[in-house]
Amino acid sequence: MKHIIPLISCLFIAACGASPAPEFFGATRTDVTVNGRDYTVFQKGERVEVIRLAYATRGQHQEIRATMIELIPRVTGCKLRESTLQGDSGEMRGSLDCPKQP
């Protein structure tokens, strides 16, 4: 019985996947798979957060970062203000220019 509780805890944590930064609580969440790698995009207003899920080896980070930047307009429909982008190939945040709704 004492082994079941840690196992259940691990399964619960694994099922949660990516969690947003506090700034993104209540944001729209989109889960995307590109080239076999999973990402989660959170959008709240004109702010965005992209999180890579799973491990990446040393040589993969540049490609992952490029993919994360590419995902932002595809998922949000907004243009990334590149000067606001912060983070790395694990998690990045930035501001968006979104089309005004009529």
PDB file of N, CA and C in Angstrom:
ATOM      1  N   MET A   1       0.817  -1.194   0.000  1.00  0.00           N
ATOM      2  CA  MET A   1       0.000   0.000   0.000  1.00  0.00           C
ATOM      3  C   MET A   1       0.862   1.259   0.000  1.00  0.00           C
ATOM      4  N   LYS A   2       1.997   1.239   0.745  1.00  0.00           N
ATOM      5  CA  LYS A   2       2.826   2.440   0.818  1.00  0.00           C
ATOM      6  C   LYS A   2       3.466   2.785  -0.527  1.00  0.00           C
ATOM      7  N   HIS A   3       3.538   1.828  -1.466  1.00  0.00           N
ATOM      8  CA  HIS A   3       4.101   2.094  -2.789  1.00  0.00           C
ATOM      9  C   HIS A   3       3.058   2.652  -3.741  1.00  0.00           C
ATOM     10  N   ILE A   4       1.803   2.462  -3.444  1.00  0.00           N
ATOM     11  CA  ILE A   4       0.729   2.911  -4.339  1.00  0.00           C
ATOM     12  C   ILE A   4       0.582   4.430  -4.308  1.00  0.00           C
ATOM     13  N   ILE A   5       0.688   5.047  -3.146  1.00  0.00           N
ATOM     14  CA  ILE A   5       0.501   6.498  -3.045  1.00  0.00           C
ATOM     15  C   ILE A   5       1.543   7.255  -3.873  1.00  0.00           C
ATOM     16  N   PRO A   6       2.843   6.943  -3.785  1.00  0.00           N
ATOM     17  CA  PRO A   6       3.801   7.652  -4.646  1.00  0.00           C
ATOM     18  C   PRO A   6       3.532   7.405  -6.128  1.00  0.00           C
ATOM     19  N   LEU A   7       3.115   6.201  -6.473  1.00  0.00           N
ATOM     20  CA  LEU A   7       2.810   5.886  -7.863  1.00  0.00           C
ATOM     21  C   LEU A   7       1.641   6.731  -8.356  1.00  0.00           C
ATOM     22  N   ILE A   8       0.600   6.838  -7.571  1.00  0.00           N
ATOM     23  CA  ILE A   8      -0.559   7.649  -7.947  1.00  0.00           C
ATOM     24  C   ILE A   8      -0.148   9.116  -8.072  1.00  0.00           C
ATOM     25  N   SER A   9       0.692   9.588  -7.172  1.00  0.00           N
ATOM     26  CA  SER A   9       1.169  10.972  -7.231  1.00  0.00           C
ATOM     27  C   SER A   9       1.933  11.229  -8.520  1.00  0.00           C
ATOM     28  N   CYS A  10       2.800  10.309  -8.901  1.00  0.00           N
ATOM     29  CA  CYS A  10       3.567  10.458 -10.147  1.00  0.00           C
ATOM     30  C   CYS A  10       2.655  10.476 -11.358  1.00  0.00           C
ATOM     31  N   LEU A  11       1.675   9.596 -11.377  1.00  0.00           N
ATOM     32  CA  LEU A  11       0.741   9.562 -12.497  1.00  0.00           C
ATOM     33  C   LEU A  11      -0.061  10.849 -12.579  1.00  0.00           C
ATOM     34  N   PHE A  12      -0.474  11.392 -11.446  1.00  0.00           N
ATOM     35  CA  PHE A  12      -1.227  12.638 -11.432  1.00  0.00           C
ATOM     36  C   PHE A  12      -0.381  13.774 -11.988  1.00  0.00           C
ATOM     37  N   ILE A  13       0.871  13.871 -11.557  1.00  0.00           N
ATOM     38  CA  ILE A  13       1.759  14.932 -12.027  1.00  0.00           C
ATOM     39  C   ILE A  13       2.019  14.777 -13.520  1.00  0.00           C
ATOM     40  N   ALA A  14       2.247  13.575 -13.990  1.00  0.00           N
ATOM     41  CA  ALA A  14       2.499  13.345 -15.413  1.00  0.00           C
ATOM     42  C   ALA A  14       1.286  13.697 -16.255  1.00  0.00           C
ATOM     43  N   ALA A  15       0.100  13.472 -15.748  1.00  0.00           N
ATOM     44  CA  ALA A  15      -1.114  13.756 -16.509  1.00  0.00           C
ATOM     45  C   ALA A  15      -1.349  15.247 -16.661  1.00  0.00           C
ATOM     46  N   CYS A  16      -0.788  16.042 -15.778  1.00  0.00           N
ATOM     47  CA  CYS A  16      -1.000  17.490 -15.832  1.00  0.00           C
ATOM     48  C   CYS A  16      -0.286  18.131 -17.010  1.00  0.00           C
ATOM     49  N   GLY A  17       0.824  17.574 -17.442  1.00  0.00           N
ATOM     50  CA  GLY A  17       1.563  18.163 -18.544  1.00  0.00           C
ATOM     51  C   GLY A  17       2.121  19.514 -18.144  1.00  0.00           C
ATOM     52  N   ALA A  18       2.126  20.436 -19.095  1.00  0.00           N
ATOM     53  CA  ALA A  18       2.673  21.763 -18.859  1.00  0.00           C
ATOM     54  C   ALA A  18       1.718  22.609 -18.035  1.00  0.00           C
ATOM     55  N   SER A  19       2.283  23.359 -17.131  1.00  0.00           N
ATOM     56  CA  SER A  19       1.501  24.304 -16.336  1.00  0.00           C
ATOM     57  C   SER A  19       1.967  25.710 -16.686  1.00  0.00           C
ATOM     58  N   PRO A  20       1.036  26.642 -16.829  1.00  0.00           N
ATOM     59  CA  PRO A  20       1.433  27.998 -17.204  1.00  0.00           C
ATOM     60  C   PRO A  20       2.052  28.764 -16.045  1.00  0.00           C
ATOM     61  N   ALA A  21       2.798  29.797 -16.386  1.00  0.00           N
ATOM     62  CA  ALA A  21       3.276  30.741 -15.380  1.00  0.00           C
ATOM     63  C   ALA A  21       2.049  31.443 -14.802  1.00  0.00           C
ATOM     64  N   PRO A  22       2.138  31.954 -13.584  1.00  0.00           N
ATOM     65  CA  PRO A  22       0.973  32.604 -12.968  1.00  0.00           C
ATOM     66  C   PRO A  22       0.315  33.669 -13.846  1.00  0.00           C
ATOM     67  N   GLU A  23       1.107  34.381 -14.607  1.00  0.00           N
ATOM     68  CA  GLU A  23       0.582  35.388 -15.532  1.00  0.00           C
ATOM     69  C   GLU A  23      -0.413  34.802 -16.533  1.00  0.00           C
ATOM     70  N   PHE A  24      -0.300  33.501 -16.801  1.00  0.00           N
ATOM     71  CA  PHE A  24      -1.124  32.854 -17.817  1.00  0.00           C
ATOM     72  C   PHE A  24      -2.241  31.983 -17.239  1.00  0.00           C
ATOM     73  N   PHE A  25      -2.499  32.083 -15.945  1.00  0.00           N
ATOM     74  CA  PHE A  25      -3.640  31.358 -15.377  1.00  0.00           C
ATOM     75  C   PHE A  25      -4.899  31.866 -16.065  1.00  0.00           C
ATOM     76  N   GLY A  26      -5.734  30.950 -16.513  1.00  0.00           N
ATOM     77  CA  GLY A  26      -6.962  31.312 -17.224  1.00  0.00           C
ATOM     78  C   GLY A  26      -6.756  31.530 -18.714  1.00  0.00           C
ATOM     79  N   ALA A  27      -5.539  31.310 -19.211  1.00  0.00           N
ATOM     80  CA  ALA A  27      -5.238  31.509 -20.631  1.00  0.00           C
ATOM     81  C   ALA A  27      -5.820  30.385 -21.480  1.00  0.00           C
ATOM     82  N   THR A  28      -5.939  30.647 -22.767  1.00  0.00           N
ATOM     83  CA  THR A  28      -6.320  29.614 -23.725  1.00  0.00           C
ATOM     84  C   THR A  28      -5.118  28.696 -23.925  1.00  0.00           C
ATOM     85  N   ARG A  29      -5.345  27.401 -23.808  1.00  0.00           N
ATOM     86  CA  ARG A  29      -4.276  26.404 -23.933  1.00  0.00           C
ATOM     87  C   ARG A  29      -4.449  25.641 -25.243  1.00  0.00           C
ATOM     88  N   THR A  30      -3.345  25.491 -25.974  1.00  0.00           N
ATOM     89  CA  THR A  30      -3.333  24.685 -27.190  1.00  0.00           C
ATOM     90  C   THR A  30      -2.153  23.733 -27.116  1.00  0.00           C
ATOM     91  N   ASP A  31      -2.408  22.446 -27.269  1.00  0.00           N
ATOM     92  CA  ASP A  31      -1.355  21.436 -27.297  1.00  0.00           C
ATOM     93  C   ASP A  31      -1.073  21.080 -28.749  1.00  0.00           C
ATOM     94  N   VAL A  32       0.211  21.085 -29.120  1.00  0.00           N
ATOM     95  CA  VAL A  32       0.616  20.883 -30.513  1.00  0.00           C
ATOM     96  C   VAL A  32       1.762  19.882 -30.552  1.00  0.00           C
ATOM     97  N   THR A  33       1.779  19.035 -31.580  1.00  0.00           N
ATOM     98  CA  THR A  33       2.904  18.138 -31.819  1.00  0.00           C
ATOM     99  C   THR A  33       3.515  18.491 -33.165  1.00  0.00           C
ATOM    100  N   VAL A  34       4.812  18.754 -33.179  1.00  0.00           N
ATOM    101  CA  VAL A  34       5.539  19.071 -34.409  1.00  0.00           C
ATOM    102  C   VAL A  34       6.768  18.179 -34.462  1.00  0.00           C
ATOM    103  N   ASN A  35       6.912  17.453 -35.560  1.00  0.00           N
ATOM    104  CA  ASN A  35       8.062  16.554 -35.740  1.00  0.00           C
ATOM    105  C   ASN A  35       8.244  15.616 -34.558  1.00  0.00           C
ATOM    106  N   GLY A  36       7.136  15.125 -34.016  1.00  0.00           N
ATOM    107  CA  GLY A  36       7.184  14.170 -32.928  1.00  0.00           C
ATOM    108  C   GLY A  36       7.452  14.762 -31.549  1.00  0.00           C
ATOM    109  N   ARG A  37       7.560  16.074 -31.452  1.00  0.00           N
ATOM    110  CA  ARG A  37       7.821  16.731 -30.171  1.00  0.00           C
ATOM    111  C   ARG A  37       6.581  17.510 -29.762  1.00  0.00           C
ATOM    112  N   ASP A  38       6.241  17.457 -28.473  1.00  0.00           N
ATOM    113  CA  ASP A  38       5.028  18.100 -27.960  1.00  0.00           C
ATOM    114  C   ASP A  38       5.338  19.461 -27.356  1.00  0.00           C
ATOM    115  N   TYR A  39       4.438  20.405 -27.641  1.00  0.00           N
ATOM    116  CA  TYR A  39       4.535  21.759 -27.119  1.00  0.00           C
ATOM    117  C   TYR A  39       3.166  22.170 -26.589  1.00  0.00           C
ATOM    118  N   THR A  40       3.156  23.088 -25.639  1.00  0.00           N
ATOM    119  CA  THR A  40       1.918  23.691 -25.159  1.00  0.00           C
ATOM    120  C   THR A  40       2.051  25.199 -25.312  1.00  0.00           C
ATOM    121  N   VAL A  41       1.015  25.799 -25.903  1.00  0.00           N
ATOM    122  CA  VAL A  41       0.990  27.243 -26.107  1.00  0.00           C
ATOM    123  C   VAL A  41      -0.143  27.815 -25.258  1.00  0.00           C
ATOM    124  N   PHE A  42       0.183  28.802 -24.438  1.00  0.00           N
ATOM    125  CA  PHE A  42      -0.818  29.511 -23.639  1.00  0.00           C
ATOM    126  C   PHE A  42      -0.910  30.934 -24.179  1.00  0.00           C
ATOM    127  N   GLN A  43      -2.134  31.383 -24.454  1.00  0.00           N
ATOM    128  CA  GLN A  43      -2.340  32.757 -24.889  1.00  0.00           C
ATOM    129  C   GLN A  43      -3.353  33.423 -23.978  1.00  0.00           C
ATOM    130  N   LYS A  44      -2.961  34.605 -23.513  1.00  0.00           N
ATOM    131  CA  LYS A  44      -3.864  35.407 -22.690  1.00  0.00           C
ATOM    132  C   LYS A  44      -3.747  36.841 -23.185  1.00  0.00           C
ATOM    133  N   GLY A  45      -4.793  37.296 -23.864  1.00  0.00           N
ATOM    134  CA  GLY A  45      -4.746  38.625 -24.458  1.00  0.00           C
ATOM    135  C   GLY A  45      -3.646  38.691 -25.493  1.00  0.00           C
ATOM    136  N   GLU A  46      -2.770  39.670 -25.339  1.00  0.00           N
ATOM    137  CA  GLU A  46      -1.661  39.823 -26.281  1.00  0.00           C
ATOM    138  C   GLU A  46      -0.341  39.358 -25.674  1.00  0.00           C
ATOM    139  N   ARG A  47      -0.415  38.311 -24.853  1.00  0.00           N
ATOM    140  CA  ARG A  47       0.767  37.673 -24.277  1.00  0.00           C
ATOM    141  C   ARG A  47       0.724  36.188 -24.620  1.00  0.00           C
ATOM    142  N   VAL A  48       1.895  35.588 -24.782  1.00  0.00           N
ATOM    143  CA  VAL A  48       1.978  34.179 -25.145  1.00  0.00           C
ATOM    144  C   VAL A  48       3.111  33.511 -24.371  1.00  0.00           C
ATOM    145  N   GLU A  49       2.889  32.240 -24.057  1.00  0.00           N
ATOM    146  CA  GLU A  49       3.906  31.397 -23.441  1.00  0.00           C
ATOM    147  C   GLU A  49       3.916  30.072 -24.186  1.00  0.00           C
ATOM    148  N   VAL A  50       5.110  29.612 -24.561  1.00  0.00           N
ATOM    149  CA  VAL A  50       5.271  28.318 -25.239  1.00  0.00           C
ATOM    150  C   VAL A  50       6.171  27.452 -24.372  1.00  0.00           C
ATOM    151  N   ILE A  51       5.729  26.218 -24.135  1.00  0.00           N
ATOM    152  CA  ILE A  51       6.491  25.280 -23.313  1.00  0.00           C
ATOM    153  C   ILE A  51       6.758  24.008 -24.111  1.00  0.00           C
ATOM    154  N   ARG A  52       8.029  23.593 -24.130  1.00  0.00           N
ATOM    155  CA  ARG A  52       8.398  22.317 -24.749  1.00  0.00           C
ATOM    156  C   ARG A  52       8.244  21.238 -23.699  1.00  0.00           C
ATOM    157  N   LEU A  53       7.657  20.139 -24.089  1.00  0.00           N
ATOM    158  CA  LEU A  53       7.516  19.001 -23.191  1.00  0.00           C
ATOM    159  C   LEU A  53       8.573  17.959 -23.552  1.00  0.00           C
ATOM    160  N   ALA A  54       9.082  17.279 -22.589  1.00  0.00           N
ATOM    161  CA  ALA A  54      10.041  16.179 -22.751  1.00  0.00           C
ATOM    162  C   ALA A  54      11.472  16.684 -22.894  1.00  0.00           C
ATOM    163  N   TYR A  55      12.363  15.754 -22.822  1.00  0.00           N
ATOM    164  CA  TYR A  55      13.804  15.998 -22.823  1.00  0.00           C
ATOM    165  C   TYR A  55      14.299  16.353 -24.215  1.00  0.00           C
ATOM    166  N   ALA A  56      15.327  17.180 -24.284  1.00  0.00           N
ATOM    167  CA  ALA A  56      15.992  17.500 -25.548  1.00  0.00           C
ATOM    168  C   ALA A  56      17.493  17.340 -25.350  1.00  0.00           C
ATOM    169  N   THR A  57      18.150  16.796 -26.339  1.00  0.00           N
ATOM    170  CA  THR A  57      19.604  16.635 -26.258  1.00  0.00           C
ATOM    171  C   THR A  57      20.303  17.940 -26.643  1.00  0.00           C
ATOM    172  N   ARG A  58      21.564  18.012 -26.348  1.00  0.00           N
ATOM    173  CA  ARG A  58      22.352  19.232 -26.550  1.00  0.00           C
ATOM    174  C   ARG A  58      22.199  19.811 -27.963  1.00  0.00           C
ATOM    175  N   GLY A  59      22.259  19.040 -28.993  1.00  0.00           N
ATOM    176  CA  GLY A  59      22.215  19.544 -30.369  1.00  0.00           C
ATOM    177  C   GLY A  59      20.832  19.911 -30.887  1.00  0.00           C
ATOM    178  N   GLN A  60      19.799  19.702 -30.115  1.00  0.00           N
ATOM    179  CA  GLN A  60      18.435  19.946 -30.583  1.00  0.00           C
ATOM    180  C   GLN A  60      17.877  21.323 -30.221  1.00  0.00           C
ATOM    181  N   HIS A  61      18.513  22.047 -29.353  1.00  0.00           N
ATOM    182  CA  HIS A  61      17.909  23.260 -28.788  1.00  0.00           C
ATOM    183  C   HIS A  61      17.679  24.383 -29.805  1.00  0.00           C
ATOM    184  N   GLN A  62      18.586  24.580 -30.736  1.00  0.00           N
ATOM    185  CA  GLN A  62      18.410  25.645 -31.729  1.00  0.00           C
ATOM    186  C   GLN A  62      17.189  25.371 -32.611  1.00  0.00           C
ATOM    187  N   GLU A  63      17.034  24.141 -33.065  1.00  0.00           N
ATOM    188  CA  GLU A  63      15.880  23.764 -33.891  1.00  0.00           C
ATOM    189  C   GLU A  63      14.577  23.873 -33.091  1.00  0.00           C
ATOM    190  N   ILE A  64      14.605  23.464 -31.847  1.00  0.00           N
ATOM    191  CA  ILE A  64      13.413  23.537 -30.993  1.00  0.00           C
ATOM    192  C   ILE A  64      12.995  24.992 -30.801  1.00  0.00           C
ATOM    193  N   ARG A  65      13.954  25.849 -30.523  1.00  0.00           N
ATOM    194  CA  ARG A  65      13.643  27.269 -30.332  1.00  0.00           C
ATOM    195  C   ARG A  65      13.003  27.854 -31.602  1.00  0.00           C
ATOM    196  N   ALA A  66      13.545  27.514 -32.766  1.00  0.00           N
ATOM    197  CA  ALA A  66      12.969  27.998 -34.026  1.00  0.00           C
ATOM    198  C   ALA A  66      11.541  27.491 -34.203  1.00  0.00           C
ATOM    199  N   THR A  67      11.299  26.238 -33.850  1.00  0.00           N
ATOM    200  CA  THR A  67       9.954  25.669 -33.942  1.00  0.00           C
ATOM    201  C   THR A  67       9.002  26.385 -32.998  1.00  0.00           C
ATOM    202  N   MET A  68       9.447  26.668 -31.795  1.00  0.00           N
ATOM    203  CA  MET A  68       8.595  27.358 -30.828  1.00  0.00           C
ATOM    204  C   MET A  68       8.206  28.744 -31.345  1.00  0.00           C
ATOM    205  N   ILE A  69       9.151  29.462 -31.935  1.00  0.00           N
ATOM    206  CA  ILE A  69       8.863  30.788 -32.481  1.00  0.00           C
ATOM    207  C   ILE A  69       7.881  30.675 -33.648  1.00  0.00           C
ATOM    208  N   GLU A  70       8.052  29.657 -34.478  1.00  0.00           N
ATOM    209  CA  GLU A  70       7.146  29.431 -35.611  1.00  0.00           C
ATOM    210  C   GLU A  70       5.731  29.092 -35.150  1.00  0.00           C
ATOM    211  N   LEU A  71       5.612  28.391 -34.041  1.00  0.00           N
ATOM    212  CA  LEU A  71       4.294  27.993 -33.530  1.00  0.00           C
ATOM    213  C   LEU A  71       3.445  29.176 -33.084  1.00  0.00           C
ATOM    214  N   ILE A  72       4.071  30.225 -32.614  1.00  0.00           N
ATOM    215  CA  ILE A  72       3.327  31.338 -32.023  1.00  0.00           C
ATOM    216  C   ILE A  72       2.299  31.934 -32.986  1.00  0.00           C
ATOM    217  N   PRO A  73       2.676  32.390 -34.179  1.00  0.00           N
ATOM    218  CA  PRO A  73       1.642  32.945 -35.068  1.00  0.00           C
ATOM    219  C   PRO A  73       0.683  31.874 -35.589  1.00  0.00           C
ATOM    220  N   ARG A  74       1.184  30.671 -35.777  1.00  0.00           N
ATOM    221  CA  ARG A  74       0.322  29.599 -36.288  1.00  0.00           C
ATOM    222  C   ARG A  74      -0.796  29.277 -35.298  1.00  0.00           C
ATOM    223  N   VAL A  75      -0.479  29.223 -34.025  1.00  0.00           N
ATOM    224  CA  VAL A  75      -1.458  28.856 -33.007  1.00  0.00           C
ATOM    225  C   VAL A  75      -2.334  30.047 -32.599  1.00  0.00           C
ATOM    226  N   THR A  76      -1.715  31.224 -32.467  1.00  0.00           N
ATOM    227  CA  THR A  76      -2.451  32.376 -31.931  1.00  0.00           C
ATOM    228  C   THR A  76      -3.140  33.220 -32.992  1.00  0.00           C
ATOM    229  N   GLY A  77      -2.646  33.161 -34.225  1.00  0.00           N
ATOM    230  CA  GLY A  77      -3.176  34.047 -35.272  1.00  0.00           C
ATOM    231  C   GLY A  77      -2.659  35.467 -35.122  1.00  0.00           C
ATOM    232  N   CYS A  78      -1.660  35.664 -34.281  1.00  0.00           N
ATOM    233  CA  CYS A  78      -1.097  36.985 -33.997  1.00  0.00           C
ATOM    234  C   CYS A  78       0.373  37.002 -34.372  1.00  0.00           C
ATOM    235  N   LYS A  79       0.912  38.206 -34.594  1.00  0.00           N
ATOM    236  CA  LYS A  79       2.321  38.375 -34.905  1.00  0.00           C
ATOM    237  C   LYS A  79       3.098  38.552 -33.595  1.00  0.00           C
ATOM    238  N   LEU A  80       4.181  37.818 -33.462  1.00  0.00           N
ATOM    239  CA  LEU A  80       5.055  37.937 -32.298  1.00  0.00           C
ATOM    240  C   LEU A  80       5.844  39.235 -32.386  1.00  0.00           C
ATOM    241  N   ARG A  81       5.875  39.983 -31.307  1.00  0.00           N
ATOM    242  CA  ARG A  81       6.775  41.137 -31.204  1.00  0.00           C
ATOM    243  C   ARG A  81       8.108  40.575 -30.730  1.00  0.00           C
ATOM    244  N   GLU A  82       8.989  40.309 -31.695  1.00  0.00           N
ATOM    245  CA  GLU A  82      10.225  39.559 -31.402  1.00  0.00           C
ATOM    246  C   GLU A  82      11.102  40.216 -30.351  1.00  0.00           C
ATOM    247  N   SER A  83      11.058  41.536 -30.236  1.00  0.00           N
ATOM    248  CA  SER A  83      11.895  42.219 -29.244  1.00  0.00           C
ATOM    249  C   SER A  83      11.451  41.914 -27.809  1.00  0.00           C
ATOM    250  N   THR A  84      10.247  41.362 -27.650  1.00  0.00           N
ATOM    251  CA  THR A  84       9.736  41.044 -26.312  1.00  0.00           C
ATOM    252  C   THR A  84       9.993  39.601 -25.914  1.00  0.00           C
ATOM    253  N   LEU A  85      10.496  38.779 -26.838  1.00  0.00           N
ATOM    254  CA  LEU A  85      10.663  37.350 -26.590  1.00  0.00           C
ATOM    255  C   LEU A  85      11.747  37.099 -25.542  1.00  0.00           C
ATOM    256  N   GLN A  86      11.390  36.302 -24.535  1.00  0.00           N
ATOM    257  CA  GLN A  86      12.326  35.913 -23.489  1.00  0.00           C
ATOM    258  C   GLN A  86      12.211  34.409 -23.274  1.00  0.00           C
ATOM    259  N   GLY A  87      13.316  33.792 -22.918  1.00  0.00           N
ATOM    260  CA  GLY A  87      13.284  32.371 -22.597  1.00  0.00           C
ATOM    261  C   GLY A  87      14.246  31.575 -23.449  1.00  0.00           C
ATOM    262  N   ASP A  88      14.066  30.268 -23.392  1.00  0.00           N
ATOM    263  CA  ASP A  88      14.955  29.358 -24.099  1.00  0.00           C
ATOM    264  C   ASP A  88      14.142  28.245 -24.747  1.00  0.00           C
ATOM    265  N   SER A  89      14.794  27.152 -25.088  1.00  0.00           N
ATOM    266  CA  SER A  89      14.108  26.069 -25.787  1.00  0.00           C
ATOM    267  C   SER A  89      13.211  25.239 -24.877  1.00  0.00           C
ATOM    268  N   GLY A  90      13.155  25.573 -23.620  1.00  0.00           N
ATOM    269  CA  GLY A  90      12.257  24.881 -22.691  1.00  0.00           C
ATOM    270  C   GLY A  90      10.973  25.644 -22.479  1.00  0.00           C
ATOM    271  N   GLU A  91      11.095  26.968 -22.387  1.00  0.00           N
ATOM    272  CA  GLU A  91       9.933  27.825 -22.137  1.00  0.00           C
ATOM    273  C   GLU A  91      10.273  29.229 -22.599  1.00  0.00           C
ATOM    274  N   MET A  92       9.359  29.833 -23.312  1.00  0.00           N
ATOM    275  CA  MET A  92       9.558  31.222 -23.719  1.00  0.00           C
ATOM    276  C   MET A  92       8.241  31.983 -23.656  1.00  0.00           C
ATOM    277  N   ARG A  93       8.358  33.297 -23.451  1.00  0.00           N
ATOM    278  CA  ARG A  93       7.200  34.181 -23.357  1.00  0.00           C
ATOM    279  C   ARG A  93       7.450  35.418 -24.194  1.00  0.00           C
ATOM    280  N   GLY A  94       6.366  36.001 -24.681  1.00  0.00           N
ATOM    281  CA  GLY A  94       6.496  37.230 -25.450  1.00  0.00           C
ATOM    282  C   GLY A  94       5.160  37.925 -25.586  1.00  0.00           C
ATOM    283  N   SER A  95       5.203  39.067 -26.256  1.00  0.00           N
ATOM    284  CA  SER A  95       4.001  39.855 -26.522  1.00  0.00           C
ATOM    285  C   SER A  95       3.613  39.713 -27.982  1.00  0.00           C
ATOM    286  N   LEU A  96       2.335  39.921 -28.248  1.00  0.00           N
ATOM    287  CA  LEU A  96       1.761  39.723 -29.572  1.00  0.00           C
ATOM    288  C   LEU A  96       1.121  40.995 -30.095  1.00  0.00           C
ATOM    289  N   ASP A  97       1.056  41.101 -31.409  1.00  0.00           N
ATOM    290  CA  ASP A  97       0.231  42.099 -32.086  1.00  0.00           C
ATOM    291  C   ASP A  97      -0.884  41.302 -32.746  1.00  0.00           C
ATOM    292  N   CYS A  98      -2.090  41.410 -32.206  1.00  0.00           N
ATOM    293  CA  CYS A  98      -3.220  40.646 -32.709  1.00  0.00           C
ATOM    294  C   CYS A  98      -4.129  41.541 -33.538  1.00  0.00           C
ATOM    295  N   PRO A  99      -4.717  40.973 -34.609  1.00  0.00           N
ATOM    296  CA  PRO A  99      -5.663  41.756 -35.413  1.00  0.00           C
ATOM    297  C   PRO A  99      -6.834  42.207 -34.544  1.00  0.00           C
ATOM    298  N   LYS A 100      -7.260  43.430 -34.749  1.00  0.00           N
ATOM    299  CA  LYS A 100      -8.404  43.955 -34.011  1.00  0.00           C
ATOM    300  C   LYS A 100      -9.680  43.315 -34.532  1.00  0.00           C
ATOM    301  N   GLN A 101     -10.555  42.944 -33.606  1.00  0.00           N
ATOM    302  CA  GLN A 101     -11.844  42.351 -33.952  1.00  0.00           C
ATOM    303  C   GLN A 101     -12.827  43.471 -34.322  1.00  0.00           C
ATOM    304  N   PRO A 102     -13.578  43.332 -35.421  1.00  0.00           N
ATOM    305  CA  PRO A 102     -14.539  44.380 -35.809  1.00  0.00           C
ATOM    306  C   PRO A 102     -15.697  44.457 -34.840  1.00  0.00           C
TER     307      PRO A 102
END
